[in-house]
Amino acid sequence: QVQLVESGGGLVQPGGSLRLSCAASGFNFGNQYMGWYRQAPGTQRELMIHITPGGSTVLSMSGSGRFTISRDNAKNMVYLQMDSLRPDDTAVYYCNSVPTSIVGDYWGPGTQVTVSS
């Protein structure tokens, strides 16, 4: 069955960096677009950035130019390098396929990122 497990979140000061990881299984990962989504308190979950099967990046949200997505198809892993973090980046971050219907709209637990001094 589909599994998506995000990790790497935590508390970071404004201007800091974090690297998130996502382990995926249960679907044809290497052939799917994969993305990072986030849900800030009181808001809907939104797609920030995604990556093609071949490794090209597509930015989906304003401000996501500070973020770099990458993937390792041999390991079924997706990564998100986040730099110059701001307090409004505080959210739960999720990885998933794009579109999510590829995995039956399954969602993993996400990883909390808190940007605060």
Protein backbone atom coordinates (compact mmCIF):
# COMPACT_ATOMS: atom_id res chain seq x y z
CA GLN A 1 0.00 0.00 0.00
CA VAL A 2 0.99 3.63 -0.41
CA GLN A 3 3.23 5.12 2.25
CA LEU A 4 4.62 8.63 2.46
CA VAL A 5 6.76 9.48 5.46
CA GLU A 6 8.08 12.98 5.90
CA SER A 7 10.91 13.92 8.24
CA GLY A 8 13.36 16.70 9.01
CA GLY A 9 11.10 19.38 10.42
CA GLY A 10 11.73 21.29 13.60
CA LEU A 11 12.20 24.69 15.15
CA VAL A 12 14.47 27.11 13.30
CA GLN A 13 15.23 30.79 13.64
CA PRO A 14 14.26 33.27 10.92
CA GLY A 15 16.84 33.22 8.16
CA GLY A 16 17.77 29.63 8.91
CA SER A 17 17.59 26.51 6.78
CA LEU A 18 16.08 23.07 6.97
CA ARG A 19 16.16 20.01 4.77
CA LEU A 20 13.07 17.86 4.66
CA SER A 21 13.00 14.28 3.43
CA CYS A 22 10.20 12.06 2.22
CA ALA A 23 10.28 8.29 1.84
CA ALA A 24 7.71 7.00 -0.63
CA SER A 25 6.54 3.49 -1.39
CA GLY A 26 3.60 1.56 -2.79
CA PHE A 27 3.33 3.24 -6.17
CA ASN A 28 5.40 3.78 -9.31
CA PHE A 29 7.47 6.58 -7.80
CA GLY A 30 9.98 7.01 -10.60
CA ASN A 31 7.29 7.84 -13.15
CA GLN A 32 5.36 10.35 -11.05
CA TYR A 33 5.56 14.07 -10.52
CA MET A 34 6.21 14.62 -6.82
CA GLY A 35 5.56 17.74 -4.81
CA TRP A 36 5.85 19.38 -1.44
CA TYR A 37 2.69 20.83 0.02
CA ARG A 38 2.18 22.77 3.18
CA GLN A 39 -0.64 23.69 5.49
CA ALA A 40 -0.26 26.70 7.75
CA PRO A 41 -2.55 27.13 10.75
CA GLY A 42 -6.05 28.12 9.67
CA THR A 43 -5.36 27.65 5.98
CA GLN A 44 -5.90 24.98 3.35
CA ARG A 45 -3.11 22.70 2.27
CA GLU A 46 -1.42 24.04 -0.87
CA LEU A 47 1.12 22.82 -3.39
CA MET A 48 4.38 24.76 -3.13
CA ILE A 49 6.79 23.19 -5.54
CA HIS A 50 7.04 20.00 -7.53
CA ILE A 51 9.49 18.02 -9.59
CA THR A 52 9.11 16.02 -12.78
CA PRO A 53 10.18 12.39 -13.00
CA GLY A 54 13.32 13.56 -14.81
CA GLY A 55 14.22 16.12 -12.13
CA SER A 56 12.96 19.45 -13.46
CA THR A 57 11.48 21.83 -10.91
CA VAL A 58 8.14 23.56 -11.15
CA LEU A 59 7.42 26.38 -8.71
CA SER A 60 3.79 26.53 -7.72
CA MET A 61 3.64 29.20 -5.07
CA SER A 62 4.96 32.72 -4.70
CA GLY A 63 8.02 32.80 -2.48
CA SER A 64 8.96 29.19 -3.14
CA GLY A 65 12.07 30.34 -4.99
CA ARG A 66 13.82 30.03 -1.62
CA PHE A 67 13.15 26.30 -1.74
CA THR A 68 14.89 23.59 -3.75
CA ILE A 69 13.26 20.27 -4.48
CA SER A 70 15.21 17.17 -5.49
CA ARG A 71 14.59 13.47 -5.81
CA ASP A 72 16.43 10.18 -5.81
CA ASN A 73 14.45 7.73 -7.92
CA ALA A 74 16.72 4.84 -6.92
CA LYS A 75 15.79 5.36 -3.26
CA ASN A 76 12.19 6.57 -3.74
CA MET A 77 13.06 9.75 -1.87
CA VAL A 78 12.09 13.39 -2.31
CA TYR A 79 13.87 16.25 -0.56
CA LEU A 80 13.11 19.88 0.13
CA GLN A 81 15.92 22.29 0.96
CA MET A 82 14.47 25.41 2.54
CA ASP A 83 16.62 28.50 2.95
CA SER A 84 16.02 32.01 4.25
CA LEU A 85 13.11 30.77 6.28
CA ARG A 86 10.54 33.27 7.52
CA PRO A 87 7.95 33.03 10.30
CA ASP A 88 5.20 32.73 7.70
CA ASP A 89 6.81 29.49 6.51
CA THR A 90 5.57 27.91 9.74
CA ALA A 91 3.37 25.01 8.68
CA VAL A 92 3.06 21.27 8.43
CA TYR A 93 4.87 20.10 5.31
CA TYR A 94 3.78 17.09 3.28
CA CYS A 95 5.12 15.34 0.23
CA ASN A 96 2.79 13.74 -2.25
CA SER A 97 2.31 12.93 -5.87
CA VAL A 98 1.06 15.58 -8.27
CA PRO A 99 -1.84 15.14 -8.64
CA THR A 100 -2.61 13.39 -5.38
CA SER A 101 -5.16 11.19 -7.10
CA ILE A 102 -2.18 9.08 -8.23
CA VAL A 103 -1.97 7.75 -4.67
CA GLY A 104 -5.70 7.79 -4.01
CA ASP A 105 -5.46 11.10 -2.14
CA TYR A 106 -3.52 9.39 0.63
CA TRP A 107 -1.56 11.73 2.91
CA GLY A 108 1.30 10.95 5.24
CA PRO A 109 1.66 12.47 8.71
CA GLY A 110 3.64 15.49 7.52
CA THR A 111 6.46 17.17 9.39
CA GLN A 112 6.07 20.35 11.44
CA VAL A 113 8.28 23.32 10.61
CA THR A 114 8.25 26.22 13.03
CA VAL A 115 10.17 29.39 12.24
CA SER A 116 10.52 31.56 15.31
CA SER A 117 13.11 33.44 17.29
